[in-house]
Amino acid sequence: MTANPEERLHTRTLGEAGPRVVFVHGLFGQGKNWTTIARGLSGDHRVTLLDLPNHGHSPWTDRVDYLDMARLVADELRSFGEPVTLIGHSMGGKVAMQLALRHPELLRALVVVDISPTEYPVSGGRTDDPDEEASPFGAFIAAMRELDLDSLASREAADAALRSAVPSRMVRSFLLQSLVREGLGSDGGWRWRLNLELLGRDLEELRGFPEPPPGARYDGPVLWIAGANSHYVLPEDRTRMDELYPNTRLVRIKNAGHWVHSEQPEVFLETLKRFLERVEG
């Protein structure tokens, strides 16, 4: 999957003692997106933030595939020599779900944030509004790729250029965390840490959820956190969740959408802490 099989995923760990917690970000993200939540846990946990392939500081690959990503994350978990609580948001939640089904021995518990074990449609079909696009990610990729990085004057100019395709200031700020400037003066230049060409090409793959092995299920404790204003976790998803993850508790956080941990960080952290206290007790 990677250009160099010896390359590992980029990781950063906060905290020096305690049970291990590992965060896996969603599409367009990177491990550092979880820094605020990680700091809230690091007093009594060792918290590792992963960059998935084609994101952040991790290597770029030649395809996007959930099972490949799950294998790479599993390799990192094995290096700890002890089970972890694995927390995944959106795309990272699907990676975490696949890993739990295939390598349950690596986990103490699983936390899934605002995603379901299902295939998502290109548009429509997940809301009551037929005109509402279920996933704007394709438009986000197109807008980021259209930015003329050679003539870009500032991050503020990039923000302005993305405004039409990405109306939410919070989401624009999130995307722009992956836009970096390297070098100084005339030698400096902007680049995306995201492999936008590949992510755009394989976006359809990310909408899916690979079929689990026959009879596979994860029997450990599972916390499912959804934004009350999000359409990514619907009532009809519960049957499949319970089939694959029978020990599931579902919590919906008010006044939050898909980026629930960014929109309601204090409530999210408190919900997570209570779950960790129970599974680690």
Protein backbone atom coordinates (compact mmCIF):
# COMPACT_ATOMS: atom_id res chain seq x y z
CA MET A 1 0.00 0.00 0.00
CA THR A 2 2.79 2.46 0.82
CA ALA A 3 5.63 3.56 -1.39
CA ASN A 4 8.05 2.29 1.27
CA PRO A 5 6.74 -0.68 3.29
CA GLU A 6 9.11 0.17 6.12
CA GLU A 7 7.46 3.54 6.70
CA ARG A 8 5.17 3.77 9.71
CA LEU A 9 2.24 6.00 10.47
CA HIS A 10 3.13 9.26 12.15
CA THR A 11 2.21 9.29 15.84
CA ARG A 12 2.40 11.69 18.76
CA THR A 13 1.80 10.68 22.38
CA LEU A 14 0.69 12.87 25.29
CA GLY A 15 0.86 11.67 28.91
CA GLU A 16 3.44 9.48 30.57
CA ALA A 17 1.43 6.88 32.49
CA GLY A 18 -1.90 5.14 32.62
CA PRO A 19 -4.08 3.15 30.22
CA ARG A 20 -3.52 3.76 26.52
CA VAL A 21 -6.00 5.68 24.38
CA VAL A 22 -5.53 6.05 20.61
CA PHE A 23 -7.33 8.57 18.39
CA VAL A 24 -7.93 8.11 14.65
CA HIS A 25 -9.08 11.20 12.75
CA GLY A 26 -11.54 11.52 9.90
CA LEU A 27 -11.19 12.50 6.25
CA PHE A 28 -9.04 15.65 5.74
CA GLY A 29 -7.92 15.50 9.36
CA GLN A 30 -4.74 14.68 11.23
CA GLY A 31 -3.89 13.50 14.69
CA LYS A 32 -3.33 16.98 16.06
CA ASN A 33 -7.04 17.75 15.54
CA TRP A 34 -7.56 15.76 18.75
CA THR A 35 -5.01 17.71 20.82
CA THR A 36 -7.55 19.51 23.04
CA ILE A 37 -9.36 16.28 23.94
CA ALA A 38 -6.05 14.43 24.34
CA ARG A 39 -4.75 17.03 26.80
CA GLY A 40 -7.91 16.57 28.81
CA LEU A 41 -7.11 12.86 29.18
CA SER A 42 -3.31 12.99 29.42
CA GLY A 43 -3.15 13.48 33.18
CA ASP A 44 -3.94 9.82 33.76
CA HIS A 45 -3.66 8.25 30.28
CA ARG A 46 -1.08 7.79 27.57
CA VAL A 47 -2.85 9.26 24.56
CA THR A 48 -1.57 8.59 21.05
CA LEU A 49 -2.69 10.66 18.07
CA LEU A 50 -2.31 8.92 14.69
CA ASP A 51 -2.05 10.41 11.21
CA LEU A 52 -3.73 8.07 8.72
CA PRO A 53 -2.09 7.48 5.31
CA ASN A 54 -2.34 10.42 2.89
CA HIS A 55 -2.95 12.78 5.80
CA GLY A 56 -0.74 14.81 8.12
CA HIS A 57 2.84 13.55 8.38
CA SER A 58 2.09 9.94 7.39
CA PRO A 59 3.21 8.51 4.04
CA TRP A 60 1.18 8.80 0.86
CA THR A 61 -0.03 5.60 -0.77
CA ASP A 62 -1.29 4.42 -4.13
CA ARG A 63 -4.88 3.71 -3.04
CA VAL A 64 -7.43 4.37 -0.32
CA ASP A 65 -8.73 1.23 1.35
CA TYR A 66 -10.28 0.69 4.79
CA LEU A 67 -8.73 -2.73 5.32
CA ASP A 68 -5.26 -1.42 4.44
CA MET A 69 -5.69 1.46 6.88
CA ALA A 70 -6.96 -0.90 9.59
CA ARG A 71 -3.88 -3.10 9.13
CA LEU A 72 -1.53 -0.14 9.48
CA VAL A 73 -3.28 1.07 12.63
CA ALA A 74 -3.21 -2.50 14.02
CA ASP A 75 0.57 -2.56 13.51
CA GLU A 76 0.88 0.56 15.65
CA LEU A 77 -1.35 -0.89 18.37
CA ARG A 78 0.70 -4.08 18.52
CA SER A 79 3.81 -2.02 19.24
CA PHE A 80 2.29 -0.93 22.57
CA GLY A 81 2.16 -4.48 23.91
CA GLU A 82 -1.16 -3.89 25.69
CA PRO A 83 -4.80 -3.37 24.72
CA VAL A 84 -5.97 0.19 24.02
CA THR A 85 -9.19 2.14 23.86
CA LEU A 86 -9.48 3.05 20.18
CA ILE A 87 -11.42 6.18 19.24
CA GLY A 88 -12.26 6.97 15.62
CA HIS A 89 -14.21 9.80 14.01
CA SER A 90 -15.97 9.51 10.63
CA MET A 91 -13.54 7.80 8.21
CA GLY A 92 -11.37 7.00 11.22
CA GLY A 93 -14.41 5.51 12.91
CA LYS A 94 -14.84 3.08 10.03
CA VAL A 95 -11.15 2.18 10.26
CA ALA A 96 -11.58 1.58 13.99
CA MET A 97 -14.72 -0.52 13.46
CA GLN A 98 -12.96 -2.73 10.90
CA LEU A 99 -9.95 -3.16 13.18
CA ALA A 100 -12.18 -4.15 16.12
CA LEU A 101 -13.83 -6.89 14.05
CA ARG A 102 -10.54 -8.29 12.78
CA HIS A 103 -8.17 -7.75 15.72
CA PRO A 104 -10.33 -7.58 18.86
CA GLU A 105 -7.41 -8.70 21.03
CA LEU A 106 -5.76 -5.32 20.47
CA LEU A 107 -8.61 -3.37 22.07
CA ARG A 108 -9.82 -2.75 25.60
CA ALA A 109 -12.76 -0.75 24.25
CA LEU A 110 -14.00 1.04 21.13
CA VAL A 111 -15.40 4.56 20.70
CA VAL A 112 -17.02 5.48 17.38
CA VAL A 113 -17.76 9.15 16.68
CA ASP A 114 -20.56 10.13 14.28
CA ILE A 115 -20.40 7.39 11.68
CA SER A 116 -22.23 4.09 11.10
CA PRO A 117 -21.19 0.67 9.75
CA THR A 118 -22.94 1.32 6.47
CA GLU A 119 -22.44 2.63 2.95
CA TYR A 120 -23.23 6.28 2.48
CA PRO A 121 -24.92 7.52 -0.72
CA VAL A 122 -23.31 10.05 -3.04
CA SER A 123 -26.09 12.49 -2.24
CA GLY A 124 -29.47 12.38 -0.58
CA GLY A 125 -30.95 9.40 1.17
CA ARG A 126 -29.68 10.13 4.70
CA THR A 127 -31.91 13.10 5.48
CA ASP A 128 -35.55 14.12 5.13
CA ASP A 129 -34.52 16.86 2.72
CA PRO A 130 -34.02 15.45 -0.81
CA ASP A 131 -32.07 18.59 -1.82
CA GLU A 132 -29.52 18.27 0.96
CA GLU A 133 -26.27 16.65 -0.12
CA ALA A 134 -25.30 13.85 2.24
CA SER A 135 -21.59 14.43 1.78
CA PRO A 136 -20.01 17.66 0.51
CA PHE A 137 -16.53 16.13 0.59
CA GLY A 138 -16.17 15.96 -3.19
CA ALA A 139 -16.81 19.69 -3.42
CA PHE A 140 -14.27 20.31 -0.65
CA ILE A 141 -11.61 18.36 -2.55
CA ALA A 142 -12.35 20.20 -5.80
CA ALA A 143 -12.11 23.59 -4.07
CA MET A 144 -8.81 22.72 -2.39
CA ARG A 145 -7.32 21.43 -5.64
CA GLU A 146 -8.40 24.58 -7.47
CA LEU A 147 -6.35 26.81 -5.16
CA ASP A 148 -3.37 28.25 -7.04
CA LEU A 149 -0.71 27.52 -4.46
CA ASP A 150 2.07 29.16 -6.52
CA SER A 151 0.39 32.56 -6.38
CA LEU A 152 -1.23 32.20 -2.94
CA ALA A 153 -0.32 35.22 -0.81
CA SER A 154 -1.57 34.13 2.61
CA ARG A 155 -3.66 31.67 4.58
CA GLU A 156 -6.35 34.37 4.74
CA ALA A 157 -6.47 34.41 0.93
CA ALA A 158 -6.87 30.64 0.92
CA ASP A 159 -9.72 30.95 3.41
CA ALA A 160 -11.45 33.49 1.18
CA ALA A 161 -11.01 31.29 -1.88
CA LEU A 162 -12.64 28.32 -0.15
CA ARG A 163 -15.59 30.27 1.25
CA SER A 164 -18.00 29.54 -1.59
CA ALA A 165 -17.50 25.75 -1.53
CA VAL A 166 -17.01 25.56 2.25
CA PRO A 167 -19.41 28.07 3.87
CA SER A 168 -18.69 26.94 7.45
CA ARG A 169 -15.83 28.90 9.00
CA MET A 170 -15.14 26.03 11.39
CA VAL A 171 -14.81 23.51 8.54
CA ARG A 172 -12.60 25.87 6.51
CA SER A 173 -10.32 26.29 9.50
CA PHE A 174 -10.21 22.51 9.88
CA LEU A 175 -9.27 21.99 6.22
CA LEU A 176 -6.66 24.74 6.25
CA GLN A 177 -4.76 23.05 9.06
CA SER A 178 -3.44 20.76 6.31
CA LEU A 179 -2.17 23.69 4.21
CA VAL A 180 1.44 24.37 5.17
CA ARG A 181 4.14 26.78 4.03
CA GLU A 182 7.68 25.51 3.76
CA GLY A 183 10.80 27.61 3.26
CA LEU A 184 11.28 31.35 3.61
CA GLY A 185 10.83 34.33 1.31
CA SER A 186 10.95 33.64 -2.41
CA ASP A 187 12.03 30.07 -1.69
CA GLY A 188 8.92 29.41 0.37
CA GLY A 189 5.90 27.64 -1.00
CA TRP A 190 2.52 26.31 0.02
CA ARG A 191 1.51 22.67 -0.15
CA TRP A 192 -1.27 20.40 1.07
CA ARG A 193 -0.34 17.61 3.44
CA LEU A 194 -3.42 15.86 2.05
CA ASN A 195 -3.05 13.60 -0.99
CA LEU A 196 -5.95 15.37 -2.67
CA GLU A 197 -5.61 13.65 -6.03
CA LEU A 198 -5.85 10.20 -4.49
CA LEU A 199 -8.60 11.12 -2.03
CA GLY A 200 -10.65 12.58 -4.86
CA ARG A 201 -10.11 9.54 -7.04
CA ASP A 202 -11.03 7.03 -4.32
CA LEU A 203 -13.70 9.04 -2.50
CA GLU A 204 -16.31 6.47 -3.50
CA GLU A 205 -14.32 3.82 -1.61
CA LEU A 206 -14.59 5.90 1.55
CA ARG A 207 -18.39 5.95 1.34
CA GLY A 208 -18.50 2.18 1.76
CA PHE A 209 -17.99 -0.24 4.63
CA PRO A 210 -16.22 -3.49 3.75
CA GLU A 211 -18.16 -6.66 4.53
CA PRO A 212 -16.87 -8.12 7.81
CA PRO A 213 -15.56 -11.71 7.96
CA PRO A 214 -18.35 -14.28 8.39
CA GLY A 215 -19.61 -14.31 11.96
CA ALA A 216 -17.29 -11.47 13.03
CA ARG A 217 -18.36 -9.22 15.86
CA TYR A 218 -16.68 -7.19 18.58
CA ASP A 219 -17.97 -8.09 22.03
CA GLY A 220 -15.99 -5.50 24.03
CA PRO A 221 -17.50 -2.29 25.41
CA VAL A 222 -18.44 0.27 22.74
CA LEU A 223 -19.42 3.91 23.10
CA TRP A 224 -21.10 5.45 20.05
CA ILE A 225 -21.14 9.25 20.13
CA ALA A 226 -23.28 11.08 17.58
CA GLY A 227 -24.08 14.74 17.01
CA ALA A 228 -27.77 15.33 17.55
CA ASN A 229 -27.84 17.57 14.46
CA SER A 230 -25.93 15.12 12.27
CA HIS A 231 -27.39 12.69 9.73
CA TYR A 232 -24.52 10.22 9.84
CA VAL A 233 -26.04 8.03 12.57
CA LEU A 234 -29.74 7.32 11.94
CA PRO A 235 -32.20 5.15 13.92
CA GLU A 236 -32.19 2.52 11.16
CA ASP A 237 -28.43 2.07 11.64
CA ARG A 238 -28.90 0.65 15.12
CA THR A 239 -29.73 -2.89 14.02
CA ARG A 240 -26.43 -3.30 12.18
CA MET A 241 -24.52 -1.65 15.02
CA ASP A 242 -25.96 -4.14 17.50
CA GLU A 243 -25.27 -7.11 15.23
CA LEU A 244 -21.56 -6.29 14.92
CA TYR A 245 -21.02 -4.51 18.25
CA PRO A 246 -23.55 -5.95 20.70
CA ASN A 247 -22.19 -4.16 23.79
CA THR A 248 -22.94 -0.67 22.46
CA ARG A 249 -24.13 2.45 24.26
CA LEU A 250 -25.27 5.25 21.95
CA VAL A 251 -25.07 8.87 23.13
CA ARG A 252 -26.31 11.84 21.11
CA ILE A 253 -24.78 15.20 22.03
CA LYS A 254 -27.08 18.21 21.67
CA ASN A 255 -26.17 21.23 19.57
CA ALA A 256 -23.54 19.31 17.62
CA GLY A 257 -23.23 18.09 14.05
CA HIS A 258 -20.71 15.81 12.39
CA TRP A 259 -17.66 17.43 14.05
CA VAL A 260 -19.16 16.80 17.47
CA HIS A 261 -15.83 16.84 19.36
CA SER A 262 -15.01 20.28 17.95
CA GLU A 263 -18.48 21.75 18.37
CA GLN A 264 -19.06 20.51 21.94
CA PRO A 265 -15.58 19.67 23.30
CA GLU A 266 -16.43 19.92 26.99
CA VAL A 267 -19.49 17.66 26.75
CA PHE A 268 -17.60 15.27 24.49
CA LEU A 269 -14.66 15.03 26.91
CA GLU A 270 -16.91 14.46 29.92
CA THR A 271 -18.83 11.73 28.06
CA LEU A 272 -15.58 10.06 27.09
CA LYS A 273 -14.12 10.27 30.61
CA ARG A 274 -17.17 8.58 32.13
CA PHE A 275 -16.90 5.74 29.62
CA LEU A 276 -13.18 5.29 30.27
CA GLU A 277 -13.75 5.19 34.02
CA ARG A 278 -16.24 2.37 33.51
CA VAL A 279 -14.14 0.23 31.16
CA GLU A 280 -10.90 0.76 33.05
CA GLY A 281 -12.40 0.39 36.51
